[in-house]
Amino acid sequence: MELSEKDWREKLTSEQYRVLREKGTERPGRSPFLLNEEKGIYQCAGCGNDLFSSDTKFDSGCGWPSFYETINSNAVVHTRDTAHGMIRTEITCAKCDGHLGHVFPDGPEPTGNRFCMNGVSLEFKKA
C-alpha cells in the first residue's frame, strides 16, 4: 500500500503517524490493547492487514501488547535494527511498511518469540 506522506498524515492520528511512519515507540502501559482479552484479530492501523490472532496474545509484563506468533508468515517483515546502540529485529507490516515494534527470543512456547507491538500501530477486529 503506497500513500504519499501527506495522505498518511491525513489518514493517521499524529501518534499513529509518529510510530508507524517515523518508527517511534509509544509509552509503555498506554495501549488499551494491553489488557484486552476479547477474541479477534489484531490488524495494522495503517492498512488493515491481519497481523495477530488474539489466541497468540500473552501478558509479557513489558508494557506493550505481546504475541508469540503472527497470523501467517507473510503478515510482517523482519529487519535487523541497530538503532539506539542495540541489536534488535524490527517488525514492519508487509503490506504498508508501517513500524509495528520488535520481536525478541524470550517468549513462551510453542515459538519462544515475543512480538512486542506498539498498540497505537494496531486495530482490533472483534470475532
Protein backbone atom coordinates (compact mmCIF):
# COMPACT_ATOMS: atom_id res chain seq x y z
CA MET A 1 0.00 0.00 0.00
CA GLU A 2 1.62 3.21 -1.13
CA LEU A 3 0.37 6.57 0.06
CA SER A 4 2.08 9.93 -0.04
CA GLU A 5 3.30 11.31 3.28
CA LYS A 6 0.51 13.89 3.03
CA ASP A 7 -2.06 11.09 2.68
CA TRP A 8 -0.56 9.19 5.64
CA ARG A 9 -0.74 12.33 7.78
CA GLU A 10 -4.42 12.74 6.88
CA LYS A 11 -5.25 9.06 7.46
CA LEU A 12 -3.45 8.53 10.79
CA THR A 13 -3.58 10.30 14.13
CA SER A 14 -0.40 12.22 15.00
CA GLU A 15 0.68 9.44 17.39
CA GLN A 16 -0.02 6.71 14.82
CA TYR A 17 1.98 8.66 12.24
CA ARG A 18 4.91 9.10 14.64
CA VAL A 19 5.06 5.37 15.40
CA LEU A 20 4.01 3.78 12.09
CA ARG A 21 5.76 6.15 9.66
CA GLU A 22 8.62 7.58 11.74
CA LYS A 23 9.49 4.38 13.69
CA GLY A 24 8.60 5.85 17.06
CA THR A 25 7.65 4.00 20.23
CA GLU A 26 4.57 4.61 22.33
CA ARG A 27 4.99 4.94 26.06
CA PRO A 28 4.65 1.61 27.90
CA GLY A 29 1.36 0.84 29.59
CA ARG A 30 -0.63 3.26 27.42
CA SER A 31 -2.29 0.89 24.94
CA PRO A 32 -5.92 -0.07 25.52
CA PHE A 33 -4.99 -3.40 23.89
CA LEU A 34 -2.57 -4.22 26.69
CA LEU A 35 -5.36 -5.66 28.84
CA ASN A 36 -7.74 -6.63 26.02
CA GLU A 37 -8.87 -10.24 26.47
CA GLU A 38 -11.53 -10.30 23.75
CA LYS A 39 -11.29 -12.79 20.88
CA GLY A 40 -10.48 -11.42 17.45
CA ILE A 41 -7.78 -10.30 15.06
CA TYR A 42 -5.22 -7.52 15.54
CA GLN A 43 -4.68 -5.59 12.32
CA CYS A 44 -2.29 -2.90 11.12
CA ALA A 45 -3.73 0.53 11.96
CA GLY A 46 -2.25 1.86 8.74
CA CYS A 47 -3.72 -0.54 6.21
CA GLY A 48 -5.90 -3.16 7.91
CA ASN A 49 -3.53 -6.06 7.22
CA ASP A 50 -4.28 -9.02 9.54
CA LEU A 51 -1.27 -9.43 11.86
CA PHE A 52 -2.04 -11.42 15.02
CA SER A 53 -4.79 -13.62 16.42
CA SER A 54 -5.91 -12.94 19.98
CA ASP A 55 -5.17 -16.64 20.59
CA THR A 56 -1.43 -15.83 20.45
CA LYS A 57 -1.56 -12.79 22.76
CA PHE A 58 0.02 -13.08 26.20
CA ASP A 59 0.93 -10.87 29.15
CA SER A 60 4.69 -10.42 28.87
CA GLY A 61 4.87 -7.74 31.57
CA CYS A 62 6.80 -5.44 29.20
CA GLY A 63 4.12 -2.72 28.94
CA TRP A 64 3.16 -3.35 25.30
CA PRO A 65 0.77 -5.84 23.70
CA SER A 66 2.71 -9.06 23.07
CA PHE A 67 2.13 -12.06 20.83
CA TYR A 68 4.09 -15.26 20.32
CA GLU A 69 3.23 -15.72 16.65
CA THR A 70 1.98 -13.78 13.62
CA ILE A 71 -1.27 -14.76 11.92
CA ASN A 72 0.77 -16.06 8.97
CA SER A 73 4.40 -15.94 7.88
CA ASN A 74 3.70 -13.27 5.22
CA ALA A 75 2.00 -10.75 7.53
CA VAL A 76 5.15 -8.96 8.69
CA VAL A 77 8.73 -8.26 7.64
CA HIS A 78 11.70 -8.85 9.97
CA THR A 79 14.60 -6.36 9.65
CA ARG A 80 17.82 -6.03 11.63
CA ASP A 81 17.68 -2.83 13.70
CA THR A 82 20.90 -1.40 15.17
CA ALA A 83 19.45 1.95 16.29
CA HIS A 84 19.99 3.25 19.83
CA GLY A 85 23.11 1.12 20.34
CA MET A 86 21.15 -2.15 20.40
CA ILE A 87 20.80 -5.07 18.02
CA ARG A 88 17.12 -5.95 17.62
CA THR A 89 14.74 -7.26 15.00
CA GLU A 90 12.25 -4.65 13.85
CA ILE A 91 8.80 -5.80 12.74
CA THR A 92 7.01 -3.88 9.99
CA CYS A 93 3.72 -4.51 8.21
CA ALA A 94 4.30 -6.48 5.00
CA LYS A 95 1.52 -4.56 3.25
CA CYS A 96 2.26 -0.88 4.09
CA ASP A 97 5.74 -1.00 5.71
CA GLY A 98 4.40 0.58 8.92
CA HIS A 99 6.58 0.17 12.02
CA LEU A 100 4.86 -2.17 14.48
CA GLY A 101 7.52 -2.94 17.07
CA HIS A 102 10.21 -5.58 17.64
CA VAL A 103 10.47 -9.33 18.18
CA PHE A 104 12.59 -10.90 20.92
CA PRO A 105 13.54 -14.55 21.56
CA ASP A 106 12.18 -14.61 25.13
CA GLY A 107 8.55 -15.52 24.57
CA PRO A 108 6.53 -18.56 25.56
CA GLU A 109 6.22 -21.89 23.80
CA PRO A 110 5.48 -23.01 21.17
CA THR A 111 7.59 -20.38 19.34
CA GLY A 112 9.73 -18.78 22.04
CA ASN A 113 9.06 -15.41 20.39
CA ARG A 114 7.75 -12.19 21.94
CA PHE A 115 6.38 -9.84 19.32
CA CYS A 116 6.35 -6.63 21.35
CA MET A 117 3.99 -4.33 19.45
CA ASN A 118 3.08 -0.68 19.77
CA GLY A 119 -0.65 -0.70 20.48
CA VAL A 120 -1.11 2.51 18.51
CA SER A 121 0.08 0.58 15.43
CA LEU A 122 -2.77 -1.90 15.86
CA GLU A 123 -6.51 -2.03 15.44
CA PHE A 124 -8.71 -4.80 16.81
CA LYS A 125 -11.41 -6.62 14.87
CA LYS A 126 -13.65 -8.43 17.34
CA ALA A 127 -14.56 -12.04 16.45
